Amino acid sequence: MLSMLGLADTPKEVIEQSEAKMKKYKAIISSMTPEERKDEKLMHDASRIKRVAKGSGDNRKRCARATERLCKDEEIAQCIPE
């Protein structure tokens, strides 16, 4: 399956690191309320970041960076025509 995705030559360590990051992103997203998932502006509030970080088992700084990254990814996805 990895060869179909163009990842056949990717080192195992890189794949494992990517999977670990995805697991953290999933934990962060799961710790958000449905409203926070829909409206990324809500995640600019420090108390929300603190709550999501605690719920995901991560620190605030990493949680804030992850939510910023997810917002940027969403903006890029909206620019892609269907």
PDB file of N, CA and C in Angstrom:
ATOM      1  N   MET A   1       0.819  -1.192   0.000  1.00  0.00           N
ATOM      2  CA  MET A   1       0.000   0.000   0.000  1.00  0.00           C
ATOM      3  C   MET A   1       0.863   1.256   0.000  1.00  0.00           C
ATOM      4  N   LEU A   2       1.969   1.232   0.715  1.00  0.00           N
ATOM      5  CA  LEU A   2       2.826   2.409   0.769  1.00  0.00           C
ATOM      6  C   LEU A   2       3.355   2.792  -0.608  1.00  0.00           C
ATOM      7  N   SER A   3       3.617   1.795  -1.446  1.00  0.00           N
ATOM      8  CA  SER A   3       4.123   2.099  -2.782  1.00  0.00           C
ATOM      9  C   SER A   3       3.074   2.823  -3.612  1.00  0.00           C
ATOM     10  N   MET A   4       1.793   2.531  -3.370  1.00  0.00           N
ATOM     11  CA  MET A   4       0.720   3.223  -4.087  1.00  0.00           C
ATOM     12  C   MET A   4       0.673   4.698  -3.705  1.00  0.00           C
ATOM     13  N   LEU A   5       1.048   5.008  -2.497  1.00  0.00           N
ATOM     14  CA  LEU A   5       1.047   6.384  -2.025  1.00  0.00           C
ATOM     15  C   LEU A   5       2.361   7.101  -2.323  1.00  0.00           C
ATOM     16  N   GLY A   6       3.275   6.427  -2.968  1.00  0.00           N
ATOM     17  CA  GLY A   6       4.573   7.012  -3.264  1.00  0.00           C
ATOM     18  C   GLY A   6       5.504   7.017  -2.069  1.00  0.00           C
ATOM     19  N   LEU A   7       5.255   6.156  -1.104  1.00  0.00           N
ATOM     20  CA  LEU A   7       6.053   6.124   0.120  1.00  0.00           C
ATOM     21  C   LEU A   7       6.914   4.874   0.252  1.00  0.00           C
ATOM     22  N   ALA A   8       7.093   4.151  -0.816  1.00  0.00           N
ATOM     23  CA  ALA A   8       7.833   2.889  -0.743  1.00  0.00           C
ATOM     24  C   ALA A   8       9.272   3.088  -0.274  1.00  0.00           C
ATOM     25  N   ASP A   9       9.894   4.205  -0.645  1.00  0.00           N
ATOM     26  CA  ASP A   9      11.289   4.442  -0.286  1.00  0.00           C
ATOM     27  C   ASP A   9      11.447   5.288   0.974  1.00  0.00           C
ATOM     28  N   THR A  10      10.356   5.604   1.627  1.00  0.00           N
ATOM     29  CA  THR A  10      10.408   6.434   2.824  1.00  0.00           C
ATOM     30  C   THR A  10      10.918   5.602   3.995  1.00  0.00           C
ATOM     31  N   PRO A  11      11.914   6.130   4.722  1.00  0.00           N
ATOM     32  CA  PRO A  11      12.440   5.390   5.873  1.00  0.00           C
ATOM     33  C   PRO A  11      11.354   5.121   6.919  1.00  0.00           C
ATOM     34  N   LYS A  12      11.456   3.985   7.560  1.00  0.00           N
ATOM     35  CA  LYS A  12      10.477   3.574   8.558  1.00  0.00           C
ATOM     36  C   LYS A  12      10.365   4.602   9.687  1.00  0.00           C
ATOM     37  N   GLU A  13      11.481   5.208  10.077  1.00  0.00           N
ATOM     38  CA  GLU A  13      11.479   6.192  11.157  1.00  0.00           C
ATOM     39  C   GLU A  13      10.633   7.409  10.795  1.00  0.00           C
ATOM     40  N   VAL A  14      10.717   7.828   9.538  1.00  0.00           N
ATOM     41  CA  VAL A  14       9.948   8.995   9.085  1.00  0.00           C
ATOM     42  C   VAL A  14       8.456   8.674   9.120  1.00  0.00           C
ATOM     43  N   ILE A  15       8.101   7.488   8.700  1.00  0.00           N
ATOM     44  CA  ILE A  15       6.699   7.069   8.723  1.00  0.00           C
ATOM     45  C   ILE A  15       6.192   7.008  10.158  1.00  0.00           C
ATOM     46  N   GLU A  16       6.997   6.463  11.045  1.00  0.00           N
ATOM     47  CA  GLU A  16       6.601   6.364  12.451  1.00  0.00           C
ATOM     48  C   GLU A  16       6.431   7.743  13.075  1.00  0.00           C
ATOM     49  N   GLN A  17       7.323   8.681  12.745  1.00  0.00           N
ATOM     50  CA  GLN A  17       7.205  10.043  13.261  1.00  0.00           C
ATOM     51  C   GLN A  17       5.930  10.704  12.741  1.00  0.00           C
ATOM     52  N   SER A  18       5.628  10.494  11.473  1.00  0.00           N
ATOM     53  CA  SER A  18       4.417  11.067  10.885  1.00  0.00           C
ATOM     54  C   SER A  18       3.170  10.487  11.538  1.00  0.00           C
ATOM     55  N   GLU A  19       3.194   9.199  11.791  1.00  0.00           N
ATOM     56  CA  GLU A  19       2.056   8.565  12.451  1.00  0.00           C
ATOM     57  C   GLU A  19       1.881   9.097  13.870  1.00  0.00           C
ATOM     58  N   ALA A  20       2.984   9.354  14.562  1.00  0.00           N
ATOM     59  CA  ALA A  20       2.911   9.894  15.916  1.00  0.00           C
ATOM     60  C   ALA A  20       2.316  11.301  15.902  1.00  0.00           C
ATOM     61  N   LYS A  21       2.711  12.116  14.914  1.00  0.00           N
ATOM     62  CA  LYS A  21       2.146  13.457  14.798  1.00  0.00           C
ATOM     63  C   LYS A  21       0.646  13.401  14.519  1.00  0.00           C
ATOM     64  N   MET A  22       0.255  12.489  13.638  1.00  0.00           N
ATOM     65  CA  MET A  22      -1.163  12.351  13.322  1.00  0.00           C
ATOM     66  C   MET A  22      -1.954  11.929  14.556  1.00  0.00           C
ATOM     67  N   LYS A  23      -1.369  11.085  15.367  1.00  0.00           N
ATOM     68  CA  LYS A  23      -2.022  10.646  16.597  1.00  0.00           C
ATOM     69  C   LYS A  23      -2.231  11.838  17.542  1.00  0.00           C
ATOM     70  N   LYS A  24      -1.227  12.715  17.628  1.00  0.00           N
ATOM     71  CA  LYS A  24      -1.349  13.909  18.476  1.00  0.00           C
ATOM     72  C   LYS A  24      -2.410  14.861  17.934  1.00  0.00           C
ATOM     73  N   TYR A  25      -2.406  15.051  16.605  1.00  0.00           N
ATOM     74  CA  TYR A  25      -3.425  15.902  16.002  1.00  0.00           C
ATOM     75  C   TYR A  25      -4.818  15.351  16.291  1.00  0.00           C
ATOM     76  N   LYS A  26      -4.958  14.051  16.189  1.00  0.00           N
ATOM     77  CA  LYS A  26      -6.252  13.423  16.432  1.00  0.00           C
ATOM     78  C   LYS A  26      -6.694  13.664  17.882  1.00  0.00           C
ATOM     79  N   ALA A  27      -5.765  13.543  18.823  1.00  0.00           N
ATOM     80  CA  ALA A  27      -6.084  13.779  20.234  1.00  0.00           C
ATOM     81  C   ALA A  27      -6.497  15.235  20.459  1.00  0.00           C
ATOM     82  N   ILE A  28      -5.810  16.153  19.805  1.00  0.00           N
ATOM     83  CA  ILE A  28      -6.140  17.574  19.950  1.00  0.00           C
ATOM     84  C   ILE A  28      -7.518  17.853  19.372  1.00  0.00           C
ATOM     85  N   ILE A  29      -7.788  17.355  18.179  1.00  0.00           N
ATOM     86  CA  ILE A  29      -9.089  17.585  17.539  1.00  0.00           C
ATOM     87  C   ILE A  29     -10.205  16.944  18.360  1.00  0.00           C
ATOM     88  N   SER A  30      -9.956  15.769  18.897  1.00  0.00           N
ATOM     89  CA  SER A  30     -10.958  15.083  19.712  1.00  0.00           C
ATOM     90  C   SER A  30     -11.261  15.848  20.995  1.00  0.00           C
ATOM     91  N   SER A  31     -10.317  16.642  21.456  1.00  0.00           N
ATOM     92  CA  SER A  31     -10.504  17.407  22.683  1.00  0.00           C
ATOM     93  C   SER A  31     -11.240  18.728  22.444  1.00  0.00           C
ATOM     94  N   MET A  32     -11.460  19.073  21.199  1.00  0.00           N
ATOM     95  CA  MET A  32     -12.183  20.306  20.864  1.00  0.00           C
ATOM     96  C   MET A  32     -13.686  20.058  20.881  1.00  0.00           C
ATOM     97  N   THR A  33     -14.447  21.110  21.144  1.00  0.00           N
ATOM     98  CA  THR A  33     -15.899  21.032  21.034  1.00  0.00           C
ATOM     99  C   THR A  33     -16.265  21.101  19.553  1.00  0.00           C
ATOM    100  N   PRO A  34     -17.467  20.669  19.189  1.00  0.00           N
ATOM    101  CA  PRO A  34     -17.883  20.792  17.781  1.00  0.00           C
ATOM    102  C   PRO A  34     -17.811  22.232  17.268  1.00  0.00           C
ATOM    103  N   GLU A  35     -18.116  23.196  18.123  1.00  0.00           N
ATOM    104  CA  GLU A  35     -18.048  24.604  17.728  1.00  0.00           C
ATOM    105  C   GLU A  35     -16.619  25.034  17.425  1.00  0.00           C
ATOM    106  N   GLU A  36     -15.681  24.552  18.232  1.00  0.00           N
ATOM    107  CA  GLU A  36     -14.269  24.884  18.014  1.00  0.00           C
ATOM    108  C   GLU A  36     -13.749  24.258  16.723  1.00  0.00           C
ATOM    109  N   ARG A  37     -14.258  23.096  16.392  1.00  0.00           N
ATOM    110  CA  ARG A  37     -13.832  22.452  15.143  1.00  0.00           C
ATOM    111  C   ARG A  37     -14.346  23.215  13.929  1.00  0.00           C
ATOM    112  N   LYS A  38     -15.525  23.809  14.058  1.00  0.00           N
ATOM    113  CA  LYS A  38     -16.121  24.549  12.947  1.00  0.00           C
ATOM    114  C   LYS A  38     -15.546  25.952  12.802  1.00  0.00           C
ATOM    115  N   ASP A  39     -15.262  26.597  13.932  1.00  0.00           N
ATOM    116  CA  ASP A  39     -14.815  27.993  13.918  1.00  0.00           C
ATOM    117  C   ASP A  39     -13.451  28.112  14.579  1.00  0.00           C
ATOM    118  N   GLU A  40     -12.410  28.158  13.749  1.00  0.00           N
ATOM    119  CA  GLU A  40     -11.047  28.182  14.288  1.00  0.00           C
ATOM    120  C   GLU A  40     -10.745  29.440  15.089  1.00  0.00           C
ATOM    121  N   LYS A  41     -11.513  30.500  14.897  1.00  0.00           N
ATOM    122  CA  LYS A  41     -11.282  31.739  15.654  1.00  0.00           C
ATOM    123  C   LYS A  41     -11.491  31.531  17.147  1.00  0.00           C
ATOM    124  N   LEU A  42     -12.312  30.575  17.506  1.00  0.00           N
ATOM    125  CA  LEU A  42     -12.535  30.280  18.926  1.00  0.00           C
ATOM    126  C   LEU A  42     -11.262  29.796  19.601  1.00  0.00           C
ATOM    127  N   MET A  43     -10.370  29.203  18.821  1.00  0.00           N
ATOM    128  CA  MET A  43      -9.139  28.650  19.386  1.00  0.00           C
ATOM    129  C   MET A  43      -8.057  29.697  19.617  1.00  0.00           C
ATOM    130  N   HIS A  44      -8.400  30.959  19.447  1.00  0.00           N
ATOM    131  CA  HIS A  44      -7.454  32.029  19.775  1.00  0.00           C
ATOM    132  C   HIS A  44      -7.544  32.404  21.254  1.00  0.00           C
ATOM    133  N   ASP A  45      -8.487  31.830  21.955  1.00  0.00           N
ATOM    134  CA  ASP A  45      -8.695  32.084  23.372  1.00  0.00           C
ATOM    135  C   ASP A  45      -7.770  31.183  24.193  1.00  0.00           C
ATOM    136  N   ALA A  46      -6.972  31.783  25.053  1.00  0.00           N
ATOM    137  CA  ALA A  46      -5.980  31.032  25.835  1.00  0.00           C
ATOM    138  C   ALA A  46      -6.621  29.974  26.725  1.00  0.00           C
ATOM    139  N   SER A  47      -7.794  30.258  27.277  1.00  0.00           N
ATOM    140  CA  SER A  47      -8.431  29.271  28.160  1.00  0.00           C
ATOM    141  C   SER A  47      -8.899  28.049  27.373  1.00  0.00           C
ATOM    142  N   ARG A  48      -9.311  28.258  26.123  1.00  0.00           N
ATOM    143  CA  ARG A  48      -9.713  27.118  25.283  1.00  0.00           C
ATOM    144  C   ARG A  48      -8.487  26.276  24.926  1.00  0.00           C
ATOM    145  N   ILE A  49      -7.399  26.937  24.588  1.00  0.00           N
ATOM    146  CA  ILE A  49      -6.169  26.210  24.260  1.00  0.00           C
ATOM    147  C   ILE A  49      -5.709  25.399  25.470  1.00  0.00           C
ATOM    148  N   LYS A  50      -5.787  26.007  26.639  1.00  0.00           N
ATOM    149  CA  LYS A  50      -5.384  25.315  27.859  1.00  0.00           C
ATOM    150  C   LYS A  50      -6.247  24.072  28.091  1.00  0.00           C
ATOM    151  N   ARG A  51      -7.563  24.201  27.902  1.00  0.00           N
ATOM    152  CA  ARG A  51      -8.467  23.074  28.094  1.00  0.00           C
ATOM    153  C   ARG A  51      -8.208  21.965  27.077  1.00  0.00           C
ATOM    154  N   VAL A  52      -8.026  22.328  25.810  1.00  0.00           N
ATOM    155  CA  VAL A  52      -7.773  21.344  24.759  1.00  0.00           C
ATOM    156  C   VAL A  52      -6.431  20.656  24.998  1.00  0.00           C
ATOM    157  N   ALA A  53      -5.438  21.424  25.408  1.00  0.00           N
ATOM    158  CA  ALA A  53      -4.118  20.839  25.690  1.00  0.00           C
ATOM    159  C   ALA A  53      -4.220  19.828  26.828  1.00  0.00           C
ATOM    160  N   LYS A  54      -4.947  20.192  27.857  1.00  0.00           N
ATOM    161  CA  LYS A  54      -5.106  19.271  28.988  1.00  0.00           C
ATOM    162  C   LYS A  54      -5.863  18.016  28.551  1.00  0.00           C
ATOM    163  N   GLY A  55      -6.899  18.187  27.765  1.00  0.00           N
ATOM    164  CA  GLY A  55      -7.687  17.052  27.301  1.00  0.00           C
ATOM    165  C   GLY A  55      -6.933  16.130  26.357  1.00  0.00           C
ATOM    166  N   SER A  56      -6.006  16.709  25.603  1.00  0.00           N
ATOM    167  CA  SER A  56      -5.247  15.904  24.640  1.00  0.00           C
ATOM    168  C   SER A  56      -3.971  15.333  25.241  1.00  0.00           C
ATOM    169  N   GLY A  57      -3.647  15.759  26.453  1.00  0.00           N
ATOM    170  CA  GLY A  57      -2.431  15.264  27.098  1.00  0.00           C
ATOM    171  C   GLY A  57      -1.168  15.904  26.561  1.00  0.00           C
ATOM    172  N   ASP A  58      -1.306  17.088  25.996  1.00  0.00           N
ATOM    173  CA  ASP A  58      -0.160  17.782  25.400  1.00  0.00           C
ATOM    174  C   ASP A  58       0.031  19.125  26.100  1.00  0.00           C
ATOM    175  N   ASN A  59       1.115  19.824  25.766  1.00  0.00           N
ATOM    176  CA  ASN A  59       1.319  21.134  26.383  1.00  0.00           C
ATOM    177  C   ASN A  59       0.642  22.225  25.548  1.00  0.00           C
ATOM    178  N   ARG A  60       0.454  23.391  26.173  1.00  0.00           N
ATOM    179  CA  ARG A  60      -0.280  24.481  25.518  1.00  0.00           C
ATOM    180  C   ARG A  60       0.401  24.976  24.252  1.00  0.00           C
ATOM    181  N   LYS A  61       1.704  25.110  24.298  1.00  0.00           N
ATOM    182  CA  LYS A  61       2.430  25.647  23.150  1.00  0.00           C
ATOM    183  C   LYS A  61       2.263  24.745  21.930  1.00  0.00           C
ATOM    184  N   ARG A  62       2.431  23.460  22.117  1.00  0.00           N
ATOM    185  CA  ARG A  62       2.296  22.512  21.015  1.00  0.00           C
ATOM    186  C   ARG A  62       0.852  22.454  20.517  1.00  0.00           C
ATOM    187  N   CYS A  63      -0.084  22.545  21.446  1.00  0.00           N
ATOM    188  CA  CYS A  63      -1.505  22.537  21.085  1.00  0.00           C
ATOM    189  C   CYS A  63      -1.846  23.784  20.260  1.00  0.00           C
ATOM    190  N   ALA A  64      -1.341  24.941  20.669  1.00  0.00           N
ATOM    191  CA  ALA A  64      -1.591  26.181  19.932  1.00  0.00           C
ATOM    192  C   ALA A  64      -1.000  26.093  18.528  1.00  0.00           C
ATOM    193  N   ARG A  65       0.212  25.573  18.426  1.00  0.00           N
ATOM    194  CA  ARG A  65       0.853  25.412  17.105  1.00  0.00           C
ATOM    195  C   ARG A  65       0.058  24.457  16.222  1.00  0.00           C
ATOM    196  N   ALA A  66      -0.425  23.382  16.809  1.00  0.00           N
ATOM    197  CA  ALA A  66      -1.192  22.400  16.040  1.00  0.00           C
ATOM    198  C   ALA A  66      -2.499  22.996  15.544  1.00  0.00           C
ATOM    199  N   THR A  67      -3.184  23.757  16.385  1.00  0.00           N
ATOM    200  CA  THR A  67      -4.440  24.358  15.947  1.00  0.00           C
ATOM    201  C   THR A  67      -4.194  25.400  14.865  1.00  0.00           C
ATOM    202  N   GLU A  68      -3.103  26.152  14.964  1.00  0.00           N
ATOM    203  CA  GLU A  68      -2.752  27.113  13.908  1.00  0.00           C
ATOM    204  C   GLU A  68      -2.497  26.376  12.598  1.00  0.00           C
ATOM    205  N   ARG A  69      -1.776  25.279  12.681  1.00  0.00           N
ATOM    206  CA  ARG A  69      -1.456  24.493  11.488  1.00  0.00           C
ATOM    207  C   ARG A  69      -2.730  23.918  10.855  1.00  0.00           C
ATOM    208  N   LEU A  70      -3.625  23.421  11.689  1.00  0.00           N
ATOM    209  CA  LEU A  70      -4.878  22.876  11.182  1.00  0.00           C
ATOM    210  C   LEU A  70      -5.713  23.952  10.492  1.00  0.00           C
ATOM    211  N   CYS A  71      -5.688  25.164  11.040  1.00  0.00           N
ATOM    212  CA  CYS A  71      -6.419  26.274  10.425  1.00  0.00           C
ATOM    213  C   CYS A  71      -5.831  26.603   9.057  1.00  0.00           C
ATOM    214  N   LYS A  72      -4.514  26.622   8.957  1.00  0.00           N
ATOM    215  CA  LYS A  72      -3.864  26.902   7.674  1.00  0.00           C
ATOM    216  C   LYS A  72      -4.177  25.811   6.659  1.00  0.00           C
ATOM    217  N   ASP A  73      -4.163  24.572   7.105  1.00  0.00           N
ATOM    218  CA  ASP A  73      -4.478  23.461   6.206  1.00  0.00           C
ATOM    219  C   ASP A  73      -5.908  23.573   5.699  1.00  0.00           C
ATOM    220  N   GLU A  74      -6.815  23.992   6.566  1.00  0.00           N
ATOM    221  CA  GLU A  74      -8.213  24.151   6.165  1.00  0.00           C
ATOM    222  C   GLU A  74      -8.362  25.273   5.133  1.00  0.00           C
ATOM    223  N   GLU A  75      -7.627  26.372   5.341  1.00  0.00           N
ATOM    224  CA  GLU A  75      -7.677  27.479   4.379  1.00  0.00           C
ATOM    225  C   GLU A  75      -7.175  27.029   3.017  1.00  0.00           C
ATOM    226  N   ILE A  76      -6.115  26.245   2.993  1.00  0.00           N
ATOM    227  CA  ILE A  76      -5.566  25.734   1.740  1.00  0.00           C
ATOM    228  C   ILE A  76      -6.581  24.804   1.069  1.00  0.00           C
ATOM    229  N   ALA A  77      -7.208  23.954   1.854  1.00  0.00           N
ATOM    230  CA  ALA A  77      -8.177  22.997   1.304  1.00  0.00           C
ATOM    231  C   ALA A  77      -9.365  23.723   0.676  1.00  0.00           C
ATOM    232  N   GLN A  78      -9.758  24.859   1.251  1.00  0.00           N
ATOM    233  CA  GLN A  78     -10.893  25.607   0.713  1.00  0.00           C
ATOM    234  C   GLN A  78     -10.559  26.263  -0.622  1.00  0.00           C
ATOM    235  N   CYS A  79      -9.285  26.469  -0.909  1.00  0.00           N
ATOM    236  CA  CYS A  79      -8.863  27.076  -2.162  1.00  0.00           C
ATOM    237  C   CYS A  79      -8.826  26.083  -3.309  1.00  0.00           C
ATOM    238  N   ILE A  80      -8.864  24.813  -3.007  1.00  0.00           N
ATOM    239  CA  ILE A  80      -8.789  23.782  -4.042  1.00  0.00           C
ATOM    240  C   ILE A  80     -10.175  23.588  -4.644  1.00  0.00           C
ATOM    241  N   PRO A  81     -10.296  23.771  -5.966  1.00  0.00           N
ATOM    242  CA  PRO A  81     -11.605  23.587  -6.595  1.00  0.00           C
ATOM    243  C   PRO A  81     -12.033  22.124  -6.564  1.00  0.00           C
ATOM    244  N   GLU A  82     -13.329  21.916  -6.458  1.00  0.00           N
ATOM    245  CA  GLU A  82     -13.852  20.531  -6.423  1.00  0.00           C
ATOM    246  C   GLU A  82     -14.133  20.017  -7.798  1.00  0.00           C
TER     247      GLU A  82
END
